[in-house]
Protein backbone atom coordinates (compact mmCIF):
# COMPACT_ATOMS: atom_id res chain seq x y z
CA MET A 1 -7.56 -6.62 22.90
CA SER A 2 -3.94 -8.22 22.94
CA VAL A 3 -1.10 -7.90 20.78
CA GLU A 4 -1.43 -11.95 20.22
CA MET A 5 -5.25 -11.25 19.11
CA TYR A 6 -3.34 -8.22 16.30
CA ARG A 7 -0.98 -10.57 15.09
CA GLU A 8 -3.64 -13.38 14.68
CA TYR A 9 -4.98 -10.38 12.51
CA ILE A 10 -2.01 -9.57 10.88
CA LEU A 11 -1.64 -13.36 9.58
CA GLN A 12 -5.49 -14.01 8.59
CA HIS A 13 -5.28 -11.02 6.15
CA TYR A 14 -1.64 -12.83 5.55
CA LYS A 15 -3.31 -15.97 5.02
CA SER A 16 -6.88 -14.29 3.13
CA PRO A 17 -5.82 -10.41 2.29
CA ARG A 18 -9.01 -8.68 1.13
CA ASN A 19 -9.20 -7.15 -2.23
CA TYR A 20 -6.58 -9.30 -3.63
CA GLY A 21 -6.45 -9.96 -8.00
CA HIS A 22 -7.02 -7.21 -10.58
CA LEU A 23 -9.46 -4.69 -11.86
CA ASP A 24 -10.58 -4.86 -15.11
CA ASP A 25 -10.54 -1.19 -16.24
CA PRO A 26 -8.27 0.57 -13.41
CA ASP A 27 -7.58 4.48 -13.33
CA ILE A 28 -4.60 3.63 -11.43
CA GLU A 29 -2.35 1.40 -11.65
CA HIS A 30 1.12 1.02 -9.96
CA GLU A 31 3.27 -1.35 -8.80
CA ASP A 32 6.59 -1.34 -6.14
CA ASP A 33 8.91 -4.16 -4.42
CA ASN A 34 12.11 -3.66 -1.67
CA PRO A 35 14.88 -4.94 -3.48
CA LEU A 36 16.37 -6.01 -0.12
CA CYS A 37 14.23 -8.26 0.80
CA GLY A 38 12.07 -8.83 -2.74
CA ASP A 39 8.53 -8.03 -0.97
CA GLN A 40 6.46 -6.80 -3.84
CA VAL A 41 2.91 -5.14 -3.82
CA HIS A 42 0.77 -3.87 -7.34
CA ILE A 43 -2.12 -2.08 -6.72
CA GLU A 44 -5.48 -1.51 -9.44
CA VAL A 45 -7.65 1.02 -8.35
CA ALA A 46 -10.92 2.25 -9.67
CA LEU A 47 -12.87 5.97 -8.89
CA ASP A 48 -15.71 6.96 -8.85
CA GLU A 49 -16.67 10.38 -10.23
CA ASP A 50 -15.44 12.61 -7.32
CA ASP A 51 -12.37 10.93 -7.34
CA ARG A 52 -12.89 8.96 -4.58
CA ILE A 53 -11.87 4.91 -4.64
CA ALA A 54 -14.66 3.30 -5.62
CA ASP A 55 -12.56 -0.28 -5.76
CA ILE A 56 -9.19 -1.31 -5.01
CA ARG A 57 -7.51 -4.45 -5.65
CA PHE A 58 -3.81 -6.22 -5.21
CA GLN A 59 -1.28 -8.82 -5.70
CA GLY A 60 1.62 -9.28 -4.25
CA LYS A 61 4.31 -11.35 -2.86
CA GLY A 62 6.81 -11.11 0.29
CA CYS A 63 6.98 -11.35 3.84
CA ALA A 64 3.02 -11.74 6.41
CA ILE A 65 3.42 -7.81 7.35
CA SER A 66 3.94 -6.05 4.23
CA GLN A 67 1.09 -8.30 2.34
CA ALA A 68 -1.12 -7.77 5.45
CA SER A 69 -0.67 -4.07 6.08
CA THR A 70 -1.60 -4.04 2.09
CA SER A 71 -4.24 -5.60 2.12
CA ILE A 72 -5.32 -3.73 5.56
CA MET A 73 -4.72 -0.41 3.68
CA THR A 74 -7.23 -1.49 0.95
CA GLU A 75 -10.65 -2.23 3.18
CA LYS A 76 -8.72 1.04 4.60
CA VAL A 77 -8.98 3.32 1.95
CA LYS A 78 -12.12 2.23 -0.43
CA GLY A 79 -14.70 5.38 -0.11
CA LYS A 80 -11.33 7.70 0.35
CA THR A 81 -10.51 10.98 -1.69
CA LEU A 82 -7.12 11.13 -3.38
CA ALA A 83 -6.07 13.79 -1.53
CA GLU A 84 -7.06 11.89 2.04
CA VAL A 85 -4.77 8.98 0.49
CA LYS A 86 -1.71 11.48 -0.11
CA ALA A 87 -2.05 12.54 3.69
CA LEU A 88 -2.04 8.79 5.30
CA SER A 89 1.25 8.60 6.79
CA LYS A 90 3.27 6.00 8.37
CA GLU A 91 1.27 6.13 12.05
CA ASP A 92 -1.67 5.47 10.60
CA VAL A 93 -0.09 2.49 8.61
CA PHE A 94 0.88 0.91 12.31
CA SER A 95 -2.64 2.05 14.29
CA TRP A 96 -3.82 0.08 11.57
CA LEU A 97 -1.34 -2.75 12.05
CA ARG A 98 -2.16 -2.15 15.72
CA ILE A 99 1.77 -3.89 16.64
CA PRO A 100 5.12 -2.84 17.60
CA ILE A 101 6.94 -2.70 13.97
CA SER A 102 10.28 -2.58 14.44
CA PRO A 103 13.00 -0.52 12.44
CA MET A 104 13.76 -3.94 10.29
CA ARG A 105 9.79 -4.16 9.47
CA VAL A 106 9.17 -0.52 8.41
CA LYS A 107 9.80 -0.47 5.21
CA CYS A 108 7.47 -3.86 5.17
CA ALA A 109 4.69 -2.31 6.52
CA LEU A 110 4.80 1.14 4.39
CA LEU A 111 5.58 -0.90 1.00
CA GLY A 112 1.15 -1.04 0.25
CA LEU A 113 0.15 2.46 1.63
CA LEU A 114 3.86 4.55 -0.60
CA VAL A 115 2.49 2.28 -4.46
CA LEU A 116 -0.76 3.55 -3.61
CA GLN A 117 0.50 6.85 -2.75
CA ALA A 118 3.15 6.59 -5.84
CA GLY A 119 0.46 5.82 -8.15
CA VAL A 120 -2.26 8.53 -7.33
CA HIS A 121 0.73 11.26 -7.08
CA ARG A 122 1.49 9.85 -11.40
CA TYR A 123 -2.18 9.49 -11.82
CA GLU A 124 -2.48 13.00 -10.83
CA ALA A 125 0.55 14.58 -13.10
CA ALA A 126 -0.93 12.48 -15.98
CA ARG A 127 -4.23 14.34 -15.86
CA GLU A 128 -2.47 17.73 -15.05
CA GLY A 129 -0.44 17.01 -17.63
CA GLY A 130 -3.43 16.32 -20.54
CA GLU A 131 -2.21 12.66 -20.12
CA GLY A 132 -5.39 12.29 -17.79
CA GLY A 133 -9.11 10.71 -18.38
CA GLY A 134 -8.40 8.37 -21.53
CA GLY A 135 -6.96 5.63 -18.34
CA ALA A 136 -4.86 4.52 -16.01
CA ALA A 137 -2.20 5.66 -14.93
CA HIS A 138 0.65 2.68 -14.90
CA GLY A 139 4.09 3.13 -13.33
CA GLN A 140 6.68 1.26 -11.95
CA GLY A 141 9.65 1.49 -9.24
CA GLY A 142 10.50 4.56 -7.50
CA ARG A 143 10.13 4.94 -4.15
CA ASP A 144 11.58 7.61 -3.24
CA ASP A 145 8.51 9.34 -1.64
CA THR A 146 8.21 7.67 2.10
CA PRO A 147 4.13 8.61 3.51
CA GLN A 148 3.49 12.03 4.79
CA GLY A 149 5.34 11.25 9.27
CA GLY A 150 8.98 8.72 7.25
CA ASP A 151 11.79 9.79 9.00
CA ASP A 152 15.07 7.21 8.73
CA GLU A 153 13.64 4.87 10.70
CA ALA A 154 11.59 3.15 7.50
CA ASP A 155 15.18 3.10 5.74
CA ALA A 156 16.53 -0.36 7.62
CA ALA A 157 16.71 -2.92 5.83
CA PRO A 158 13.46 -4.97 6.73
CA GLN A 159 15.03 -9.00 7.46
CA HIS A 160 12.16 -11.48 7.13
CA ASP A 161 12.06 -15.55 8.23
CA ASP A 162 10.00 -18.36 7.36
CA GLY A 163 7.71 -18.44 10.56
CA GLU A 164 6.03 -16.36 10.25
């Protein structure tokens, strides 16, 4: 497939995102934004009895890359364990997108994964601390982590144009 076909794939996810919306009773809920450009993502996850992602929903606003990447990610992580989610890397996200991601767009592409992984970490910390099991782990902000394999390229400030 050509790069142009993959760009269409991304625009399709941006215009008609998959798994967009809310869950009634999520086990994991987290949100964050990229203050440099204003992209925002809120993710909610329902787990099954084996701590696999049974359902996932997101809401957000921002550029085509951030929102499409999150939409694609929600399809890819259904059925995965929390350990598998934590092991996902920026290379996984880039392979899902199948187009070159410039240094200016790395944070856009990774925002959904960062939010999901932060929510998983918060959920596990709450559960280990005796707070889990009785409701969702809710969180906001604090994206100090990068997905496995992160590097300085992710620190570039994203820029957006309305022509995406």
